[in-house]
Amino acid sequence: MSSICKISGKIEATTFFVVAFDMQEAKKYGSKIMLQVNGKSAEAVKLMALMSLGVKQGQTVTVSVEGADEEEACRGMEDFFRKNL
């Protein structure tokens, strides 16, 4: 079973820093965390893949989480984006 967290908001920091911190947050969990935007997806722990998403201010990002700690990981990623968007 996988959890899906829909998150949207205005990016306040530069995209690079948001992506870098997102990677660090995602590495805290054992679950596989994927980010999707505009039909593209990337694993949250892969910097180049995240950068290739080209996330822009105000876009909706869908976070899907699958694994043993998926509920905790989903909450953690939601909190991360709320604090950093």
N, C-alpha and C. Protein backbone atom coordinates (compact mmCIF):
# COMPACT_ATOMS: atom_id res chain seq x y z
N MET A 1 0.84 -1.18 0.00
CA MET A 1 0.00 0.00 0.00
C MET A 1 0.89 1.24 0.00
N SER A 2 0.45 2.29 -0.70
CA SER A 2 1.25 3.51 -0.69
C SER A 2 0.39 4.68 -0.24
N SER A 3 1.06 5.67 0.34
CA SER A 3 0.40 6.89 0.79
C SER A 3 0.68 7.98 -0.22
N ILE A 4 -0.29 8.83 -0.47
CA ILE A 4 -0.09 9.95 -1.38
C ILE A 4 -0.39 11.23 -0.63
N CYS A 5 0.55 12.17 -0.72
CA CYS A 5 0.40 13.47 -0.09
C CYS A 5 0.38 14.52 -1.19
N LYS A 6 -0.69 15.28 -1.32
CA LYS A 6 -0.73 16.35 -2.31
C LYS A 6 -0.37 17.65 -1.62
N ILE A 7 0.63 18.30 -2.16
CA ILE A 7 1.16 19.50 -1.52
C ILE A 7 1.29 20.58 -2.58
N SER A 8 0.80 21.76 -2.29
CA SER A 8 1.02 22.88 -3.21
C SER A 8 1.33 24.11 -2.39
N GLY A 9 2.06 25.01 -2.98
CA GLY A 9 2.38 26.23 -2.27
C GLY A 9 3.40 27.05 -3.03
N LYS A 10 3.71 28.16 -2.48
CA LYS A 10 4.64 29.09 -3.09
C LYS A 10 6.03 28.83 -2.54
N ILE A 11 6.98 28.61 -3.43
CA ILE A 11 8.35 28.38 -3.00
C ILE A 11 8.96 29.72 -2.62
N GLU A 12 9.40 29.84 -1.37
CA GLU A 12 9.99 31.07 -0.87
C GLU A 12 11.50 31.11 -1.07
N ALA A 13 12.14 29.94 -0.99
CA ALA A 13 13.59 29.85 -1.17
C ALA A 13 13.87 29.49 -2.62
N THR A 14 15.12 29.55 -3.01
CA THR A 14 15.45 29.14 -4.37
C THR A 14 15.21 27.65 -4.50
N THR A 15 14.86 27.23 -5.69
CA THR A 15 14.54 25.82 -5.94
C THR A 15 15.69 24.91 -5.52
N PHE A 16 16.93 25.30 -5.78
CA PHE A 16 18.07 24.46 -5.45
C PHE A 16 18.10 24.11 -3.97
N PHE A 17 17.91 25.09 -3.12
CA PHE A 17 17.97 24.83 -1.68
C PHE A 17 16.79 23.99 -1.22
N VAL A 18 15.63 24.23 -1.77
CA VAL A 18 14.46 23.41 -1.42
C VAL A 18 14.72 21.96 -1.80
N VAL A 19 15.27 21.73 -2.99
CA VAL A 19 15.54 20.37 -3.45
C VAL A 19 16.59 19.70 -2.57
N ALA A 20 17.64 20.43 -2.24
CA ALA A 20 18.71 19.86 -1.41
C ALA A 20 18.19 19.47 -0.03
N PHE A 21 17.37 20.31 0.57
CA PHE A 21 16.82 19.99 1.88
C PHE A 21 15.80 18.88 1.79
N ASP A 22 15.06 18.81 0.68
CA ASP A 22 14.09 17.74 0.46
C ASP A 22 14.81 16.40 0.45
N MET A 23 15.96 16.33 -0.19
CA MET A 23 16.74 15.10 -0.22
C MET A 23 17.11 14.66 1.19
N GLN A 24 17.55 15.59 2.00
CA GLN A 24 17.95 15.27 3.37
C GLN A 24 16.75 14.76 4.17
N GLU A 25 15.60 15.38 3.99
CA GLU A 25 14.39 14.94 4.69
C GLU A 25 14.02 13.52 4.24
N ALA A 26 14.07 13.27 2.95
CA ALA A 26 13.67 11.97 2.41
C ALA A 26 14.60 10.85 2.89
N LYS A 27 15.86 11.16 3.12
CA LYS A 27 16.83 10.15 3.56
C LYS A 27 16.58 9.69 4.99
N LYS A 28 15.72 10.36 5.72
CA LYS A 28 15.41 9.98 7.10
C LYS A 28 14.54 8.72 7.16
N TYR A 29 13.91 8.36 6.04
CA TYR A 29 12.92 7.29 6.03
C TYR A 29 13.37 6.12 5.17
N GLY A 30 12.88 4.95 5.51
CA GLY A 30 13.21 3.76 4.74
C GLY A 30 12.32 3.58 3.52
N SER A 31 11.19 4.25 3.48
CA SER A 31 10.26 4.14 2.36
C SER A 31 10.80 4.81 1.11
N LYS A 32 10.31 4.35 -0.02
CA LYS A 32 10.63 4.99 -1.30
C LYS A 32 9.71 6.20 -1.46
N ILE A 33 10.30 7.37 -1.65
CA ILE A 33 9.55 8.61 -1.75
C ILE A 33 9.74 9.16 -3.16
N MET A 34 8.63 9.36 -3.86
CA MET A 34 8.65 9.89 -5.22
C MET A 34 7.94 11.23 -5.27
N LEU A 35 8.49 12.16 -6.04
CA LEU A 35 7.85 13.45 -6.26
C LEU A 35 7.42 13.51 -7.72
N GLN A 36 6.20 13.99 -7.97
CA GLN A 36 5.69 14.13 -9.32
C GLN A 36 5.22 15.57 -9.53
N VAL A 37 5.55 16.11 -10.69
CA VAL A 37 5.08 17.43 -11.09
C VAL A 37 5.06 17.48 -12.62
N ASN A 38 3.99 18.02 -13.18
CA ASN A 38 3.87 18.17 -14.64
C ASN A 38 4.16 16.88 -15.41
N GLY A 39 3.69 15.75 -14.92
CA GLY A 39 3.87 14.49 -15.62
C GLY A 39 5.24 13.86 -15.49
N LYS A 40 6.15 14.49 -14.76
CA LYS A 40 7.48 13.93 -14.54
C LYS A 40 7.57 13.47 -13.10
N SER A 41 8.41 12.46 -12.84
CA SER A 41 8.58 12.01 -11.47
C SER A 41 10.06 11.73 -11.20
N ALA A 42 10.40 11.79 -9.91
CA ALA A 42 11.78 11.54 -9.50
C ALA A 42 11.79 11.02 -8.08
N GLU A 43 12.75 10.15 -7.80
CA GLU A 43 12.92 9.67 -6.43
C GLU A 43 13.52 10.80 -5.60
N ALA A 44 12.98 11.00 -4.41
CA ALA A 44 13.32 12.16 -3.59
C ALA A 44 14.76 12.17 -3.08
N VAL A 45 15.48 11.08 -3.20
CA VAL A 45 16.86 11.05 -2.70
C VAL A 45 17.89 11.19 -3.82
N LYS A 46 17.44 11.46 -5.03
CA LYS A 46 18.35 11.58 -6.18
C LYS A 46 18.38 13.02 -6.67
N LEU A 47 19.45 13.71 -6.35
CA LEU A 47 19.57 15.15 -6.61
C LEU A 47 19.36 15.52 -8.08
N MET A 48 20.05 14.87 -8.98
CA MET A 48 19.93 15.24 -10.40
C MET A 48 18.52 14.99 -10.92
N ALA A 49 17.91 13.91 -10.47
CA ALA A 49 16.54 13.62 -10.89
C ALA A 49 15.58 14.68 -10.36
N LEU A 50 15.78 15.11 -9.12
CA LEU A 50 14.93 16.17 -8.55
C LEU A 50 15.12 17.48 -9.30
N MET A 51 16.36 17.82 -9.60
CA MET A 51 16.63 19.06 -10.33
C MET A 51 15.98 19.03 -11.71
N SER A 52 15.94 17.86 -12.34
CA SER A 52 15.37 17.76 -13.68
C SER A 52 13.86 17.96 -13.69
N LEU A 53 13.21 17.87 -12.54
CA LEU A 53 11.77 18.13 -12.48
C LEU A 53 11.46 19.58 -12.81
N GLY A 54 12.38 20.48 -12.52
CA GLY A 54 12.17 21.90 -12.83
C GLY A 54 10.98 22.50 -12.10
N VAL A 55 10.82 22.16 -10.82
CA VAL A 55 9.69 22.66 -10.04
C VAL A 55 9.74 24.19 -9.98
N LYS A 56 8.61 24.80 -10.28
CA LYS A 56 8.52 26.25 -10.29
C LYS A 56 7.56 26.73 -9.21
N GLN A 57 7.69 27.98 -8.88
CA GLN A 57 6.87 28.61 -7.86
C GLN A 57 5.39 28.40 -8.15
N GLY A 58 4.64 27.97 -7.13
CA GLY A 58 3.20 27.82 -7.23
C GLY A 58 2.71 26.52 -7.84
N GLN A 59 3.61 25.65 -8.30
CA GLN A 59 3.18 24.38 -8.88
C GLN A 59 2.76 23.40 -7.79
N THR A 60 1.92 22.45 -8.17
CA THR A 60 1.50 21.40 -7.26
C THR A 60 2.45 20.22 -7.39
N VAL A 61 2.94 19.77 -6.26
CA VAL A 61 3.84 18.62 -6.21
C VAL A 61 3.08 17.49 -5.53
N THR A 62 3.08 16.32 -6.14
CA THR A 62 2.47 15.14 -5.54
C THR A 62 3.59 14.26 -5.01
N VAL A 63 3.48 13.91 -3.75
CA VAL A 63 4.48 13.07 -3.10
C VAL A 63 3.83 11.71 -2.84
N SER A 64 4.43 10.65 -3.37
CA SER A 64 3.92 9.31 -3.08
C SER A 64 5.00 8.57 -2.30
N VAL A 65 4.54 7.84 -1.31
CA VAL A 65 5.44 7.16 -0.39
C VAL A 65 5.02 5.70 -0.29
N GLU A 66 5.99 4.79 -0.40
CA GLU A 66 5.68 3.37 -0.29
C GLU A 66 6.76 2.68 0.52
N GLY A 67 6.34 1.97 1.56
CA GLY A 67 7.29 1.23 2.37
C GLY A 67 6.80 1.04 3.79
N ALA A 68 7.67 0.49 4.60
CA ALA A 68 7.30 0.13 5.98
C ALA A 68 6.92 1.33 6.83
N ASP A 69 7.56 2.48 6.61
CA ASP A 69 7.27 3.67 7.42
C ASP A 69 6.58 4.76 6.61
N GLU A 70 5.74 4.35 5.64
CA GLU A 70 5.15 5.31 4.71
C GLU A 70 4.29 6.37 5.37
N GLU A 71 3.53 6.03 6.39
CA GLU A 71 2.69 7.05 7.02
C GLU A 71 3.54 8.12 7.70
N GLU A 72 4.58 7.70 8.42
CA GLU A 72 5.50 8.63 9.07
C GLU A 72 6.24 9.47 8.03
N ALA A 73 6.68 8.83 6.95
CA ALA A 73 7.41 9.53 5.90
C ALA A 73 6.51 10.56 5.21
N CYS A 74 5.27 10.20 4.97
CA CYS A 74 4.33 11.11 4.32
C CYS A 74 4.10 12.34 5.20
N ARG A 75 3.89 12.11 6.49
CA ARG A 75 3.71 13.24 7.42
C ARG A 75 4.96 14.11 7.46
N GLY A 76 6.13 13.48 7.48
CA GLY A 76 7.38 14.22 7.51
C GLY A 76 7.58 15.07 6.27
N MET A 77 7.25 14.51 5.11
CA MET A 77 7.40 15.27 3.87
C MET A 77 6.38 16.41 3.80
N GLU A 78 5.15 16.16 4.26
CA GLU A 78 4.15 17.23 4.30
C GLU A 78 4.63 18.36 5.20
N ASP A 79 5.13 18.03 6.37
CA ASP A 79 5.65 19.05 7.29
C ASP A 79 6.79 19.81 6.66
N PHE A 80 7.71 19.10 6.00
CA PHE A 80 8.84 19.74 5.35
C PHE A 80 8.36 20.78 4.34
N PHE A 81 7.44 20.37 3.46
CA PHE A 81 6.97 21.29 2.42
C PHE A 81 6.19 22.47 3.01
N ARG A 82 5.40 22.22 4.01
CA ARG A 82 4.65 23.33 4.65
C ARG A 82 5.59 24.37 5.23
N LYS A 83 6.69 23.91 5.82
CA LYS A 83 7.65 24.83 6.44
C LYS A 83 8.52 25.54 5.42
N ASN A 84 8.71 24.93 4.25
CA ASN A 84 9.67 25.45 3.29
C ASN A 84 9.07 26.00 1.99
N LEU A 85 7.77 25.95 1.85
CA LEU A 85 7.13 26.51 0.65
C LEU A 85 6.51 27.85 0.97
